[in-house]
């Protein structure tokens, strides 16, 4: 079955860096658009960054210049490097695999907490 397993979340001070990873199984990883989303209590899940099967990337304005998404197709893993973290980056970060037009798979999430 499909599994997206996030790892690497934790507690970091404002201004610090953290990297989260998502290991995928049960999907044809090379053809999937992969992404990271985040959610805080009472708010909708929001896009953080995505990467297409061709390596193109897209970022939310709030993270541009601070976060970098990358993928390793051989390892079936997508990464999110987060620098210059702010308290408002605190959220549960979810890995997503997307196949157009509307097939989505989600991980269970990893908590990132940024202290001020």
Protein backbone atom coordinates (compact mmCIF):
# COMPACT_ATOMS: atom_id res chain seq x y z
CA UNK A 1 0.00 0.00 0.00
CA UNK A 2 0.96 3.64 -0.29
CA UNK A 3 3.07 5.01 2.54
CA UNK A 4 4.52 8.46 2.95
CA UNK A 5 6.57 8.64 6.13
CA UNK A 6 7.81 11.99 7.36
CA UNK A 7 10.75 12.40 9.69
CA UNK A 8 13.00 15.13 11.04
CA UNK A 9 10.57 17.39 12.82
CA UNK A 10 11.34 18.81 16.21
CA UNK A 11 12.00 21.91 18.27
CA UNK A 12 14.27 24.67 17.04
CA UNK A 13 14.90 28.26 18.06
CA UNK A 14 13.88 31.13 15.85
CA UNK A 15 16.54 31.82 13.25
CA UNK A 16 17.64 28.22 13.23
CA UNK A 17 17.41 25.50 10.60
CA UNK A 18 15.71 22.16 10.33
CA UNK A 19 15.32 19.57 7.61
CA UNK A 20 12.40 17.21 7.21
CA UNK A 21 12.25 14.17 4.95
CA UNK A 22 9.53 12.04 3.43
CA UNK A 23 10.18 8.48 2.34
CA UNK A 24 7.66 7.07 -0.13
CA UNK A 25 6.67 3.52 -0.90
CA UNK A 26 3.86 1.95 -2.88
CA UNK A 27 3.82 4.72 -5.49
CA UNK A 28 5.58 5.35 -8.79
CA UNK A 29 7.72 8.07 -7.21
CA UNK A 30 9.45 9.34 -10.36
CA UNK A 31 6.20 10.46 -11.95
CA UNK A 32 4.64 11.99 -8.83
CA UNK A 33 4.55 15.66 -8.01
CA UNK A 34 5.72 15.81 -4.41
CA UNK A 35 4.98 18.52 -1.93
CA UNK A 36 5.03 19.74 1.61
CA UNK A 37 2.03 21.30 3.29
CA UNK A 38 1.52 22.52 6.83
CA UNK A 39 -1.34 22.99 9.22
CA UNK A 40 -1.89 24.65 12.56
CA UNK A 41 -4.90 24.12 14.83
CA UNK A 42 -8.02 25.82 13.56
CA UNK A 43 -6.52 26.64 10.18
CA UNK A 44 -6.68 25.02 6.78
CA UNK A 45 -3.79 23.02 5.47
CA UNK A 46 -1.62 25.27 3.32
CA UNK A 47 0.92 24.67 0.61
CA UNK A 48 4.55 25.17 1.58
CA UNK A 49 6.45 23.88 -1.46
CA UNK A 50 6.08 21.47 -4.35
CA UNK A 51 8.37 19.80 -6.83
CA UNK A 52 7.27 18.25 -10.10
CA UNK A 53 8.52 15.05 -11.65
CA UNK A 54 10.66 17.23 -13.91
CA UNK A 55 12.26 18.99 -10.98
CA UNK A 56 10.37 22.27 -11.15
CA UNK A 57 9.62 23.89 -7.80
CA UNK A 58 7.01 26.19 -6.36
CA UNK A 59 6.97 27.92 -2.98
CA UNK A 60 4.51 29.78 -0.82
CA UNK A 61 5.42 33.45 -0.64
CA UNK A 62 5.89 33.15 3.12
CA UNK A 63 8.78 30.69 2.74
CA UNK A 64 10.48 31.87 -0.46
CA UNK A 65 14.18 32.40 0.07
CA UNK A 66 14.14 30.46 3.35
CA UNK A 67 12.93 26.95 2.45
CA UNK A 68 14.22 24.60 -0.24
CA UNK A 69 12.42 21.52 -1.51
CA UNK A 70 14.36 18.76 -3.23
CA UNK A 71 13.82 15.17 -4.27
CA UNK A 72 15.94 12.10 -4.73
CA UNK A 73 14.13 9.77 -7.08
CA UNK A 74 16.60 6.94 -6.49
CA UNK A 75 15.88 7.07 -2.74
CA UNK A 76 12.17 7.80 -3.27
CA UNK A 77 12.53 10.66 -0.84
CA UNK A 78 11.56 14.32 -0.82
CA UNK A 79 13.22 16.82 1.48
CA UNK A 80 12.42 20.24 2.87
CA UNK A 81 15.33 22.31 4.14
CA UNK A 82 14.07 25.11 6.35
CA UNK A 83 16.34 28.01 7.23
CA UNK A 84 15.79 31.25 9.12
CA UNK A 85 12.84 29.68 10.86
CA UNK A 86 10.22 31.90 12.47
CA UNK A 87 7.71 31.11 15.23
CA UNK A 88 4.95 31.38 12.62
CA UNK A 89 6.49 28.39 10.82
CA UNK A 90 5.35 26.23 13.73
CA UNK A 91 2.97 23.62 12.35
CA UNK A 92 2.50 19.98 11.49
CA UNK A 93 4.21 19.42 8.17
CA UNK A 94 2.63 16.91 5.80
CA UNK A 95 4.14 15.18 2.81
CA UNK A 96 1.99 14.91 -0.31
CA UNK A 97 2.20 12.88 -3.51
CA UNK A 98 0.04 14.11 -6.35
CA UNK A 99 -0.92 12.59 -9.70
CA UNK A 100 -3.03 14.78 -11.99
CA UNK A 101 -5.86 15.35 -12.19
CA UNK A 102 -6.92 14.61 -8.64
CA UNK A 103 -5.11 11.70 -6.95
CA UNK A 104 -3.55 12.71 -3.64
CA UNK A 105 -1.69 10.74 -1.01
CA UNK A 106 -0.74 12.11 2.38
CA UNK A 107 1.64 11.26 5.17
CA UNK A 108 0.70 11.45 8.82
CA UNK A 109 2.74 14.57 9.44
CA UNK A 110 5.67 15.69 11.54
CA UNK A 111 5.58 18.51 14.07
CA UNK A 112 7.92 21.45 13.69
CA UNK A 113 8.02 23.87 16.61
CA UNK A 114 9.92 27.13 16.41
CA UNK A 115 10.47 28.87 19.73
CA UNK A 116 10.90 32.61 20.01
